[in-house]
Amino acid sequence: MPRRMRLPLCALAIAFLASIGADAFHHPIASLQSRVHRAGARADGFTSTLCLSITTDADLNEASPACQQRRAMIRQSSAAIAALLLPTSPAFAEDTQQSEPYTRAPAPTDKFQFGYTLTPPPSFVASNKPLKTHLDEINFAPPDVRGYTIGITVDPVRISKLQEFGTPEEVAARVVTAEVNRDGVFEVTLAKDPKDSGECYDIEYISDGKRGTKHFVTRIYVKGGFLYVLTAQSKEAEYDKQREKDIAECVNSFRPL
């Protein structure tokens, strides 16, 4: 038994032509001519157009307002159907996925009043750790990529500014020591010199261990009695220019409120 197919666009065209009345077809249709003009892409290569025009020999010899109106309506219908049938040019298929800022704002009833904001890379999804080891912590990661995460931790501290904790080099030494003392880590080296941006320190290092070689980028703030730490982690083999750019943009968007 042959398969039946639905043609909604064709049905739409038939319904439209029927709605303008049967008198529109009182002319002989044996000489009906369908002309399909396909214009190639413009010089910029971005668009292609499809123009359809349907006429009859008898209509060409008539100049009455009614005939002109019918022809205009048919042309408009043809153009509308052509626009619906025309496939979208790949050149117009832009990536509309955009990064959305994430803000952690305190509620008036919270015991600890702290907050921060950042903009993770596109496609990153927020998740909480089952077992928290800090006052507040959250992770961001793409759902289809392993070993690529951005985490935020917040802890109360007794110092009022980051410089009281030490110089950028002293803080970097503490970070490296803490990392190398982790189970399964063989060696930790600084990827860049620690950077003091006034309000925050930036520390970038590479950790080599039994689970592979990982690249870390860290930004540290102290504000309002809280220590804010952003840590971005990636496999060293996958830390290319694009990932470096995405992480840098995220790190630069991070700030306490």
C-alpha atoms as a PDB file:
ATOM      1  CA  MET A   1       0.000   0.000   0.000  1.00  0.00           C
ATOM      2  CA  PRO A   2       1.634   3.304  -0.978  1.00  0.00           C
ATOM      3  CA  ARG A   3       2.560   5.678   1.825  1.00  0.00           C
ATOM      4  CA  ARG A   4       0.506   8.832   2.234  1.00  0.00           C
ATOM      5  CA  MET A   5       2.384  12.053   2.715  1.00  0.00           C
ATOM      6  CA  ARG A   6       1.077  15.322   4.104  1.00  0.00           C
ATOM      7  CA  LEU A   7       1.971  18.492   2.256  1.00  0.00           C
ATOM      8  CA  PRO A   8       0.922  21.371   4.500  1.00  0.00           C
ATOM      9  CA  LEU A   9       2.529  24.075   2.373  1.00  0.00           C
ATOM     10  CA  CYS A  10       0.818  22.813  -0.785  1.00  0.00           C
ATOM     11  CA  ALA A  11      -2.484  22.664   1.079  1.00  0.00           C
ATOM     12  CA  LEU A  12      -1.918  26.235   2.187  1.00  0.00           C
ATOM     13  CA  ALA A  13      -1.356  27.339  -1.399  1.00  0.00           C
ATOM     14  CA  ILE A  14      -4.485  25.532  -2.642  1.00  0.00           C
ATOM     15  CA  ALA A  15      -6.595  27.044   0.148  1.00  0.00           C
ATOM     16  CA  PHE A  16      -5.358  30.495  -0.729  1.00  0.00           C
ATOM     17  CA  LEU A  17      -6.038  30.161  -4.434  1.00  0.00           C
ATOM     18  CA  ALA A  18      -9.485  28.743  -3.724  1.00  0.00           C
ATOM     19  CA  SER A  19     -10.281  31.670  -1.449  1.00  0.00           C
ATOM     20  CA  ILE A  20      -9.924  34.205  -4.280  1.00  0.00           C
ATOM     21  CA  GLY A  21     -12.794  32.604  -6.179  1.00  0.00           C
ATOM     22  CA  ALA A  22     -13.313  30.171  -9.027  1.00  0.00           C
ATOM     23  CA  ASP A  23     -13.649  33.009 -11.525  1.00  0.00           C
ATOM     24  CA  ALA A  24      -9.907  33.494 -11.285  1.00  0.00           C
ATOM     25  CA  PHE A  25      -9.515  30.357 -13.404  1.00  0.00           C
ATOM     26  CA  HIS A  26     -12.010  31.040 -16.170  1.00  0.00           C
ATOM     27  CA  HIS A  27      -9.146  31.476 -18.605  1.00  0.00           C
ATOM     28  CA  PRO A  28      -7.679  28.494 -20.427  1.00  0.00           C
ATOM     29  CA  ILE A  29      -4.993  26.902 -18.281  1.00  0.00           C
ATOM     30  CA  ALA A  30      -3.497  24.696 -20.956  1.00  0.00           C
ATOM     31  CA  SER A  31      -0.908  27.379 -21.585  1.00  0.00           C
ATOM     32  CA  LEU A  32      -0.112  27.888 -17.907  1.00  0.00           C
ATOM     33  CA  GLN A  33       3.562  28.631 -17.597  1.00  0.00           C
ATOM     34  CA  SER A  34       5.565  28.309 -14.423  1.00  0.00           C
ATOM     35  CA  ARG A  35       8.792  30.152 -14.347  1.00  0.00           C
ATOM     36  CA  VAL A  36      11.231  29.552 -11.575  1.00  0.00           C
ATOM     37  CA  HIS A  37      14.120  31.921 -11.388  1.00  0.00           C
ATOM     38  CA  ARG A  38      16.936  31.014  -9.131  1.00  0.00           C
ATOM     39  CA  ALA A  39      19.330  33.815  -8.470  1.00  0.00           C
ATOM     40  CA  GLY A  40      22.719  32.740  -7.271  1.00  0.00           C
ATOM     41  CA  ALA A  41      24.386  33.956  -4.161  1.00  0.00           C
ATOM     42  CA  ARG A  42      25.333  37.589  -3.981  1.00  0.00           C
ATOM     43  CA  ALA A  43      28.972  38.537  -4.293  1.00  0.00           C
ATOM     44  CA  ASP A  44      29.333  38.319  -0.522  1.00  0.00           C
ATOM     45  CA  GLY A  45      28.181  34.716  -0.635  1.00  0.00           C
ATOM     46  CA  PHE A  46      25.670  35.166   2.148  1.00  0.00           C
ATOM     47  CA  THR A  47      22.286  34.844   0.456  1.00  0.00           C
ATOM     48  CA  SER A  48      20.438  33.024  -2.264  1.00  0.00           C
ATOM     49  CA  THR A  49      16.932  33.859  -3.467  1.00  0.00           C
ATOM     50  CA  LEU A  50      14.101  31.986  -5.051  1.00  0.00           C
ATOM     51  CA  CYS A  51      11.615  33.934  -7.169  1.00  0.00           C
ATOM     52  CA  LEU A  52       8.460  32.336  -8.447  1.00  0.00           C
ATOM     53  CA  SER A  53       6.017  33.857 -10.954  1.00  0.00           C
ATOM     54  CA  ILE A  54       2.901  32.222 -12.387  1.00  0.00           C
ATOM     55  CA  THR A  55       1.010  33.734 -15.303  1.00  0.00           C
ATOM     56  CA  THR A  56      -1.398  32.715 -18.068  1.00  0.00           C
ATOM     57  CA  ASP A  57      -1.458  33.884 -21.678  1.00  0.00           C
ATOM     58  CA  ALA A  58      -4.974  35.190 -21.288  1.00  0.00           C
ATOM     59  CA  ASP A  59      -4.069  37.173 -18.171  1.00  0.00           C
ATOM     60  CA  LEU A  60      -1.312  38.912 -20.078  1.00  0.00           C
ATOM     61  CA  ASN A  61      -3.890  40.390 -22.446  1.00  0.00           C
ATOM     62  CA  GLU A  62      -6.215  41.654 -19.713  1.00  0.00           C
ATOM     63  CA  ALA A  63      -5.805  44.992 -18.045  1.00  0.00           C
ATOM     64  CA  SER A  64      -8.963  45.207 -15.912  1.00  0.00           C
ATOM     65  CA  PRO A  65      -8.497  46.130 -12.244  1.00  0.00           C
ATOM     66  CA  ALA A  66      -9.982  42.806 -11.106  1.00  0.00           C
ATOM     67  CA  CYS A  67      -7.499  40.836 -13.209  1.00  0.00           C
ATOM     68  CA  GLN A  68      -4.620  42.954 -12.023  1.00  0.00           C
ATOM     69  CA  GLN A  69      -5.674  42.428  -8.423  1.00  0.00           C
ATOM     70  CA  ARG A  70      -5.910  38.662  -8.932  1.00  0.00           C
ATOM     71  CA  ARG A  71      -2.465  38.550 -10.511  1.00  0.00           C
ATOM     72  CA  ALA A  72      -1.000  40.604  -7.666  1.00  0.00           C
ATOM     73  CA  MET A  73      -2.527  38.282  -5.083  1.00  0.00           C
ATOM     74  CA  ILE A  74      -1.162  35.207  -6.879  1.00  0.00           C
ATOM     75  CA  ARG A  75       2.306  36.749  -7.053  1.00  0.00           C
ATOM     76  CA  GLN A  76       2.225  37.587  -3.339  1.00  0.00           C
ATOM     77  CA  SER A  77       1.109  34.054  -2.519  1.00  0.00           C
ATOM     78  CA  SER A  78       3.894  32.581  -4.641  1.00  0.00           C
ATOM     79  CA  ALA A  79       6.498  34.772  -2.981  1.00  0.00           C
ATOM     80  CA  ALA A  80       5.253  33.815   0.488  1.00  0.00           C
ATOM     81  CA  ILE A  81       5.351  30.096  -0.322  1.00  0.00           C
ATOM     82  CA  ALA A  82       8.827  30.450  -1.826  1.00  0.00           C
ATOM     83  CA  ALA A  83      10.049  32.141   1.352  1.00  0.00           C
ATOM     84  CA  LEU A  84       8.714  29.266   3.438  1.00  0.00           C
ATOM     85  CA  LEU A  85      10.275  26.646   1.180  1.00  0.00           C
ATOM     86  CA  LEU A  86      13.639  28.382   0.927  1.00  0.00           C
ATOM     87  CA  PRO A  87      16.177  26.679   3.222  1.00  0.00           C
ATOM     88  CA  THR A  88      18.177  28.796   5.602  1.00  0.00           C
ATOM     89  CA  SER A  89      21.593  29.626   4.264  1.00  0.00           C
ATOM     90  CA  PRO A  90      24.376  28.120   6.397  1.00  0.00           C
ATOM     91  CA  ALA A  91      26.127  31.472   6.310  1.00  0.00           C
ATOM     92  CA  PHE A  92      23.300  32.879   8.431  1.00  0.00           C
ATOM     93  CA  ALA A  93      23.486  30.064  10.963  1.00  0.00           C
ATOM     94  CA  GLU A  94      25.331  31.967  13.634  1.00  0.00           C
ATOM     95  CA  ASP A  95      26.097  30.599  17.054  1.00  0.00           C
ATOM     96  CA  THR A  96      23.533  32.359  19.224  1.00  0.00           C
ATOM     97  CA  GLN A  97      24.620  30.671  22.394  1.00  0.00           C
ATOM     98  CA  GLN A  98      25.758  33.319  24.838  1.00  0.00           C
ATOM     99  CA  SER A  99      27.227  33.279  28.310  1.00  0.00           C
ATOM    100  CA  GLU A 100      24.871  34.176  31.120  1.00  0.00           C
ATOM    101  CA  PRO A 101      26.156  35.901  34.281  1.00  0.00           C
ATOM    102  CA  TYR A 102      25.798  33.994  37.533  1.00  0.00           C
ATOM    103  CA  THR A 103      25.248  35.998  40.721  1.00  0.00           C
ATOM    104  CA  ARG A 104      25.248  34.691  44.249  1.00  0.00           C
ATOM    105  CA  ALA A 105      23.503  37.374  46.314  1.00  0.00           C
ATOM    106  CA  PRO A 106      22.842  37.076  50.075  1.00  0.00           C
ATOM    107  CA  ALA A 107      19.329  36.993  51.476  1.00  0.00           C
ATOM    108  CA  PRO A 108      18.483  39.389  54.330  1.00  0.00           C
ATOM    109  CA  THR A 109      18.023  36.420  56.662  1.00  0.00           C
ATOM    110  CA  ASP A 110      21.389  34.779  55.863  1.00  0.00           C
ATOM    111  CA  LYS A 111      23.784  34.524  58.784  1.00  0.00           C
ATOM    112  CA  PHE A 112      26.771  35.176  56.512  1.00  0.00           C
ATOM    113  CA  GLN A 113      26.362  38.166  54.241  1.00  0.00           C
ATOM    114  CA  PHE A 114      28.511  37.616  51.159  1.00  0.00           C
ATOM    115  CA  GLY A 115      28.006  37.518  47.419  1.00  0.00           C
ATOM    116  CA  TYR A 116      29.816  37.392  44.096  1.00  0.00           C
ATOM    117  CA  THR A 117      29.237  37.357  40.375  1.00  0.00           C
ATOM    118  CA  LEU A 118      30.930  35.788  37.363  1.00  0.00           C
ATOM    119  CA  THR A 119      30.165  34.833  33.784  1.00  0.00           C
ATOM    120  CA  PRO A 120      31.070  31.204  33.001  1.00  0.00           C
ATOM    121  CA  PRO A 121      31.880  30.136  29.423  1.00  0.00           C
ATOM    122  CA  PRO A 122      28.939  29.156  27.176  1.00  0.00           C
ATOM    123  CA  SER A 123      27.330  25.761  27.867  1.00  0.00           C
ATOM    124  CA  PHE A 124      28.691  25.603  31.433  1.00  0.00           C
ATOM    125  CA  VAL A 125      26.179  24.312  33.979  1.00  0.00           C
ATOM    126  CA  ALA A 126      26.238  25.049  37.707  1.00  0.00           C
ATOM    127  CA  SER A 127      26.269  22.218  40.251  1.00  0.00           C
ATOM    128  CA  ASN A 128      26.857  21.845  43.999  1.00  0.00           C
ATOM    129  CA  LYS A 129      29.233  19.371  45.599  1.00  0.00           C
ATOM    130  CA  PRO A 130      27.513  16.647  47.661  1.00  0.00           C
ATOM    131  CA  LEU A 131      29.942  17.196  50.544  1.00  0.00           C
ATOM    132  CA  LYS A 132      30.945  20.791  51.181  1.00  0.00           C
ATOM    133  CA  THR A 133      34.327  21.601  52.691  1.00  0.00           C
ATOM    134  CA  HIS A 134      33.889  25.404  52.581  1.00  0.00           C
ATOM    135  CA  LEU A 135      31.309  27.863  53.805  1.00  0.00           C
ATOM    136  CA  ASP A 136      30.004  28.130  50.257  1.00  0.00           C
ATOM    137  CA  GLU A 137      31.121  26.447  47.045  1.00  0.00           C
ATOM    138  CA  ILE A 138      29.810  25.825  43.558  1.00  0.00           C
ATOM    139  CA  ASN A 139      31.187  24.237  40.396  1.00  0.00           C
ATOM    140  CA  PHE A 140      30.579  25.031  36.724  1.00  0.00           C
ATOM    141  CA  ALA A 141      31.313  22.566  33.928  1.00  0.00           C
ATOM    142  CA  PRO A 142      30.158  21.706  30.392  1.00  0.00           C
ATOM    143  CA  PRO A 143      27.987  18.569  30.400  1.00  0.00           C
ATOM    144  CA  ASP A 144      29.906  16.821  27.610  1.00  0.00           C
ATOM    145  CA  VAL A 145      33.535  17.596  28.552  1.00  0.00           C
ATOM    146  CA  ARG A 146      35.496  15.863  31.305  1.00  0.00           C
ATOM    147  CA  GLY A 147      38.282  17.469  33.313  1.00  0.00           C
ATOM    148  CA  TYR A 148      37.209  21.045  32.540  1.00  0.00           C
ATOM    149  CA  THR A 149      35.687  22.871  35.524  1.00  0.00           C
ATOM    150  CA  ILE A 150      35.462  26.263  37.192  1.00  0.00           C
ATOM    151  CA  GLY A 151      34.867  26.366  40.926  1.00  0.00           C
ATOM    152  CA  ILE A 152      34.105  29.111  43.452  1.00  0.00           C
ATOM    153  CA  THR A 153      34.722  28.810  47.200  1.00  0.00           C
ATOM    154  CA  VAL A 154      33.972  31.287  49.985  1.00  0.00           C
ATOM    155  CA  ASP A 155      35.293  31.132  53.566  1.00  0.00           C
ATOM    156  CA  PRO A 156      35.307  33.582  56.487  1.00  0.00           C
ATOM    157  CA  VAL A 157      38.706  35.091  57.379  1.00  0.00           C
ATOM    158  CA  ARG A 158      39.983  37.485  60.033  1.00  0.00           C
ATOM    159  CA  ILE A 159      42.006  39.643  57.681  1.00  0.00           C
ATOM    160  CA  SER A 160      40.564  42.714  55.985  1.00  0.00           C
ATOM    161  CA  LYS A 161      42.668  42.736  52.825  1.00  0.00           C
ATOM    162  CA  LEU A 162      44.573  40.208  50.742  1.00  0.00           C
ATOM    163  CA  GLN A 163      47.966  41.821  51.339  1.00  0.00           C
ATOM    164  CA  GLU A 164      47.727  40.824  55.008  1.00  0.00           C
ATOM    165  CA  PHE A 165      47.794  37.200  53.867  1.00  0.00           C
ATOM    166  CA  GLY A 166      51.115  37.714  52.085  1.00  0.00           C
ATOM    167  CA  THR A 167      52.661  38.888  48.837  1.00  0.00           C
ATOM    168  CA  PRO A 168      51.574  37.286  45.534  1.00  0.00           C
ATOM    169  CA  GLU A 169      54.717  35.126  45.620  1.00  0.00           C
ATOM    170  CA  GLU A 170      54.047  34.017  49.213  1.00  0.00           C
ATOM    171  CA  VAL A 171      50.435  33.151  48.482  1.00  0.00           C
ATOM    172  CA  ALA A 172      51.486  31.293  45.313  1.00  0.00           C
ATOM    173  CA  ALA A 173      53.986  29.273  47.358  1.00  0.00           C
ATOM    174  CA  ARG A 174      51.208  28.262  49.773  1.00  0.00           C
ATOM    175  CA  VAL A 175      48.934  27.268  46.900  1.00  0.00           C
ATOM    176  CA  VAL A 176      51.657  25.181  45.242  1.00  0.00           C
ATOM    177  CA  THR A 177      52.563  23.511  48.569  1.00  0.00           C
ATOM    178  CA  ALA A 178      48.928  22.621  49.243  1.00  0.00           C
ATOM    179  CA  GLU A 179      48.604  21.127  45.750  1.00  0.00           C
ATOM    180  CA  VAL A 180      51.810  19.085  45.850  1.00  0.00           C
ATOM    181  CA  ASN A 181      50.771  17.598  49.209  1.00  0.00           C
ATOM    182  CA  ARG A 182      47.626  16.153  47.691  1.00  0.00           C
ATOM    183  CA  ASP A 183      47.521  12.402  47.209  1.00  0.00           C
ATOM    184  CA  GLY A 184      48.821  11.280  43.804  1.00  0.00           C
ATOM    185  CA  VAL A 185      50.429  14.600  42.829  1.00  0.00           C
ATOM    186  CA  PHE A 186      54.063  14.308  41.717  1.00  0.00           C
ATOM    187  CA  GLU A 187      55.080  17.838  40.775  1.00  0.00           C
ATOM    188  CA  VAL A 188      53.637  21.347  40.702  1.00  0.00           C
ATOM    189  CA  THR A 189      55.168  24.269  38.803  1.00  0.00           C
ATOM    190  CA  LEU A 190      54.084  27.850  38.254  1.00  0.00           C
ATOM    191  CA  ALA A 191      52.986  28.491  34.675  1.00  0.00           C
ATOM    192  CA  LYS A 192      53.319  32.275  35.048  1.00  0.00           C
ATOM    193  CA  ASP A 193      54.577  34.718  37.633  1.00  0.00           C
ATOM    194  CA  PRO A 194      51.921  35.535  40.255  1.00  0.00           C
ATOM    195  CA  LYS A 195      50.086  38.756  39.489  1.00  0.00           C
ATOM    196  CA  ASP A 196      48.860  41.421  41.890  1.00  0.00           C
ATOM    197  CA  SER A 197      45.898  43.302  40.424  1.00  0.00           C
ATOM    198  CA  GLY A 198      45.421  45.471  43.523  1.00  0.00           C
ATOM    199  CA  GLU A 199      42.200  43.908  44.767  1.00  0.00           C
ATOM    200  CA  CYS A 200      43.097  40.314  43.843  1.00  0.00           C
ATOM    201  CA  TYR A 201      45.938  37.892  43.124  1.00  0.00           C
ATOM    202  CA  ASP A 202      46.152  35.737  39.995  1.00  0.00           C
ATOM    203  CA  ILE A 203      48.065  32.452  40.262  1.00  0.00           C
ATOM    204  CA  GLU A 204      48.531  29.994  37.391  1.00  0.00           C
ATOM    205  CA  TYR A 205      50.205  26.618  37.830  1.00  0.00           C
ATOM    206  CA  ILE A 206      50.516  23.110  36.347  1.00  0.00           C
ATOM    207  CA  SER A 207      50.028  19.966  38.404  1.00  0.00           C
ATOM    208  CA  ASP A 208      51.403  16.617  37.253  1.00  0.00           C
ATOM    209  CA  GLY A 209      50.114  13.476  38.945  1.00  0.00           C
ATOM    210  CA  LYS A 210      48.830   9.968  38.495  1.00  0.00           C
ATOM    211  CA  ARG A 211      45.555  11.336  37.138  1.00  0.00           C
ATOM    212  CA  GLY A 212      47.320  13.310  34.426  1.00  0.00           C
ATOM    213  CA  THR A 213      48.687  16.793  33.931  1.00  0.00           C
ATOM    214  CA  LYS A 214      46.304  19.626  34.749  1.00  0.00           C
ATOM    215  CA  HIS A 215      46.399  23.368  34.209  1.00  0.00           C
ATOM    216  CA  PHE A 216      45.012  25.629  36.959  1.00  0.00           C
ATOM    217  CA  VAL A 217      44.143  29.329  36.889  1.00  0.00           C
ATOM    218  CA  THR A 218      43.229  30.918  40.235  1.00  0.00           C
ATOM    219  CA  ARG A 219      41.961  34.343  41.274  1.00  0.00           C
ATOM    220  CA  ILE A 220      41.829  35.243  44.985  1.00  0.00           C
ATOM    221  CA  TYR A 221      39.963  38.086  46.705  1.00  0.00           C
ATOM    222  CA  VAL A 222      39.521  39.156  50.320  1.00  0.00           C
ATOM    223  CA  LYS A 223      36.569  41.442  50.987  1.00  0.00           C
ATOM    224  CA  GLY A 224      34.275  42.086  53.921  1.00  0.00           C
ATOM    225  CA  GLY A 225      35.825  39.362  56.062  1.00  0.00           C
ATOM    226  CA  PHE A 226      35.535  36.640  53.410  1.00  0.00           C
ATOM    227  CA  LEU A 227      38.066  34.855  51.220  1.00  0.00           C
ATOM    228  CA  TYR A 228      36.817  34.350  47.645  1.00  0.00           C
ATOM    229  CA  VAL A 229      38.699  31.901  45.414  1.00  0.00           C
ATOM    230  CA  LEU A 230      37.985  31.056  41.774  1.00  0.00           C
ATOM    231  CA  THR A 231      39.819  28.022  40.398  1.00  0.00           C
ATOM    232  CA  ALA A 232      39.634  26.993  36.737  1.00  0.00           C
ATOM    233  CA  GLN A 233      40.920  23.539  35.882  1.00  0.00           C
ATOM    234  CA  SER A 234      41.666  21.955  32.495  1.00  0.00           C
ATOM    235  CA  LYS A 235      43.658  19.047  31.156  1.00  0.00           C
ATOM    236  CA  GLU A 236      46.986  20.447  30.031  1.00  0.00           C
ATOM    237  CA  ALA A 237      46.735  18.654  26.662  1.00  0.00           C
ATOM    238  CA  GLU A 238      43.427  20.447  25.986  1.00  0.00           C
ATOM    239  CA  TYR A 239      44.489  23.879  27.211  1.00  0.00           C
ATOM    240  CA  ASP A 240      44.595  25.565  23.811  1.00  0.00           C
ATOM    241  CA  LYS A 241      44.261  29.234  22.836  1.00  0.00           C
ATOM    242  CA  GLN A 242      40.461  29.130  22.763  1.00  0.00           C
ATOM    243  CA  ARG A 243      40.208  27.547  26.200  1.00  0.00           C
ATOM    244  CA  GLU A 244      42.768  29.985  27.560  1.00  0.00           C
ATOM    245  CA  LYS A 245      40.660  32.845  26.195  1.00  0.00           C
ATOM    246  CA  ASP A 246      37.420  31.448  27.660  1.00  0.00           C
ATOM    247  CA  ILE A 247      38.969  30.965  31.079  1.00  0.00           C
ATOM    248  CA  ALA A 248      40.548  34.436  31.043  1.00  0.00           C
ATOM    249  CA  GLU A 249      37.185  36.030  30.253  1.00  0.00           C
ATOM    250  CA  CYS A 250      35.532  34.113  33.074  1.00  0.00           C
ATOM    251  CA  VAL A 251      38.274  34.956  35.558  1.00  0.00           C
ATOM    252  CA  ASN A 252      38.119  38.646  34.654  1.00  0.00           C
ATOM    253  CA  SER A 253      34.340  38.638  35.198  1.00  0.00           C
ATOM    254  CA  PHE A 254      34.661  37.245  38.734  1.00  0.00           C
ATOM    255  CA  ARG A 255      34.317  39.714  41.603  1.00  0.00           C
ATOM    256  CA  PRO A 256      32.815  39.809  45.091  1.00  0.00           C
ATOM    257  CA  LEU A 257      29.771  41.998  45.694  1.00  0.00           C
END
